[in-house]
Amino acid sequence: MAMFCNRCGTGLPLTARFCSNCGAVISAVPPTPGTGRPLMRPYMGRAIAGVCVGLAQAYGWDVALVRIVTVVGFFFSGGIVAIAYLACWIGIPEEPIGLPGAYPPNL
């Protein structure tokens, strides 16, 4: 199981004590099982805002299944799923853009 930095989301080996990208201290507690990545809206694979892709990557779900459930929920929930989608669009942060040669990293 891979570990990720809590500050920048960089993938790290299980034996890492510091993040190789941002230098943050990595806690000794391994991440909870089932989480693949931190909850962020990635730039790659977006259809509208990246909410479905972000949820699927963070929880290890299939992206197509999340999108199908979302579209069906739009039609049969009376607008609750649409409001939840908008709230996730606003509340889930975007994935940081890593520019090569930029210092400090992730700015």
Protein backbone atom coordinates (compact mmCIF):
# COMPACT_ATOMS: atom_id res chain seq x y z
CA MET A 1 0.00 0.00 0.00
CA ALA A 2 1.36 3.40 -0.93
CA MET A 3 1.49 6.44 1.34
CA PHE A 4 0.77 10.00 0.31
CA CYS A 5 1.94 13.30 1.74
CA ASN A 6 -0.81 15.09 3.67
CA ARG A 7 0.42 18.48 2.45
CA CYS A 8 1.09 18.00 -1.28
CA GLY A 9 -0.29 14.53 -2.10
CA THR A 10 2.97 13.11 -3.46
CA GLY A 11 3.20 9.31 -3.46
CA LEU A 12 5.81 8.05 -1.00
CA PRO A 13 7.25 4.67 0.01
CA LEU A 14 6.04 3.17 3.30
CA THR A 15 9.42 3.79 4.94
CA ALA A 16 9.47 7.55 4.22
CA ARG A 17 9.82 9.93 7.17
CA PHE A 18 9.80 13.14 5.12
CA CYS A 19 8.10 14.08 1.85
CA SER A 20 10.57 14.12 -1.03
CA ASN A 21 8.59 16.89 -2.74
CA CYS A 22 7.70 19.43 -0.03
CA GLY A 23 9.74 18.27 2.99
CA ALA A 24 6.76 17.77 5.31
CA VAL A 25 7.14 15.33 8.20
CA ILE A 26 5.28 12.08 7.53
CA SER A 27 3.47 10.60 10.52
CA ALA A 28 4.27 7.04 11.55
CA VAL A 29 0.61 6.03 11.24
CA PRO A 30 -0.11 4.44 7.84
CA PRO A 31 -3.13 5.71 5.89
CA THR A 32 -6.49 4.05 6.41
CA PRO A 33 -7.18 1.10 4.11
CA GLY A 34 -9.30 1.79 1.06
CA THR A 35 -8.05 5.29 0.35
CA GLY A 36 -5.96 5.57 -2.77
CA ARG A 37 -5.26 9.29 -2.89
CA PRO A 38 -6.16 12.41 -0.98
CA LEU A 39 -9.54 13.85 -1.92
CA MET A 40 -8.75 16.36 -4.68
CA ARG A 41 -10.23 17.24 -8.07
CA PRO A 42 -7.61 16.19 -10.64
CA TYR A 43 -7.07 17.98 -13.95
CA MET A 44 -6.74 14.78 -15.99
CA GLY A 45 -9.91 12.82 -16.66
CA ARG A 46 -12.40 15.57 -15.89
CA ALA A 47 -15.78 15.62 -17.58
CA ILE A 48 -17.21 18.76 -15.94
CA ALA A 49 -15.52 19.69 -12.67
CA GLY A 50 -13.59 16.56 -11.66
CA VAL A 51 -15.82 15.72 -8.69
CA CYS A 52 -16.65 12.17 -9.82
CA VAL A 53 -13.02 11.42 -10.75
CA GLY A 54 -11.77 12.81 -7.44
CA LEU A 55 -14.22 10.75 -5.40
CA ALA A 56 -13.46 7.61 -7.41
CA GLN A 57 -9.69 7.99 -7.00
CA ALA A 58 -9.87 8.83 -3.30
CA TYR A 59 -12.07 5.88 -2.36
CA GLY A 60 -10.93 3.33 -4.95
CA TRP A 61 -14.22 3.21 -6.87
CA ASP A 62 -14.79 2.83 -10.60
CA VAL A 63 -15.09 6.26 -12.27
CA ALA A 64 -17.77 5.10 -14.73
CA LEU A 65 -19.92 3.74 -11.91
CA VAL A 66 -19.63 6.99 -9.92
CA ARG A 67 -20.64 9.00 -13.00
CA ILE A 68 -23.62 6.73 -13.73
CA VAL A 69 -24.86 6.93 -10.13
CA THR A 70 -24.45 10.73 -10.23
CA VAL A 71 -26.44 11.13 -13.46
CA VAL A 72 -29.20 8.82 -12.25
CA GLY A 73 -29.21 10.71 -8.95
CA PHE A 74 -29.63 14.02 -10.79
CA PHE A 75 -32.89 12.77 -12.28
CA PHE A 76 -34.38 10.87 -9.35
CA SER A 77 -33.31 12.78 -6.23
CA GLY A 78 -35.30 15.95 -6.68
CA GLY A 79 -32.18 18.12 -6.88
CA ILE A 80 -30.38 16.84 -3.78
CA VAL A 81 -27.57 15.24 -5.80
CA ALA A 82 -27.20 18.42 -7.87
CA ILE A 83 -26.78 20.48 -4.70
CA ALA A 84 -24.31 17.92 -3.31
CA TYR A 85 -22.35 18.00 -6.59
CA LEU A 86 -22.15 21.80 -6.48
CA ALA A 87 -21.06 21.67 -2.84
CA CYS A 88 -18.31 19.18 -3.73
CA TRP A 89 -17.26 21.36 -6.68
CA ILE A 90 -16.80 24.27 -4.29
CA GLY A 91 -15.48 22.32 -1.28
CA ILE A 92 -13.05 19.79 -2.77
CA PRO A 93 -9.73 21.48 -3.61
CA GLU A 94 -8.15 21.19 -7.05
CA GLU A 95 -5.03 19.16 -7.55
CA PRO A 96 -1.93 21.38 -7.29
CA ILE A 97 -0.09 22.03 -10.52
CA GLY A 98 3.51 20.92 -10.33
CA LEU A 99 5.65 23.24 -12.43
CA PRO A 100 9.08 21.87 -13.28
CA GLY A 101 11.86 23.86 -11.68
CA ALA A 102 9.51 25.92 -9.52
CA TYR A 103 10.68 26.78 -6.02
CA PRO A 104 9.19 26.35 -3.49
CA PRO A 105 7.34 23.27 -4.79
CA ASN A 106 3.57 23.40 -5.46
CA LEU A 107 3.24 27.19 -5.53
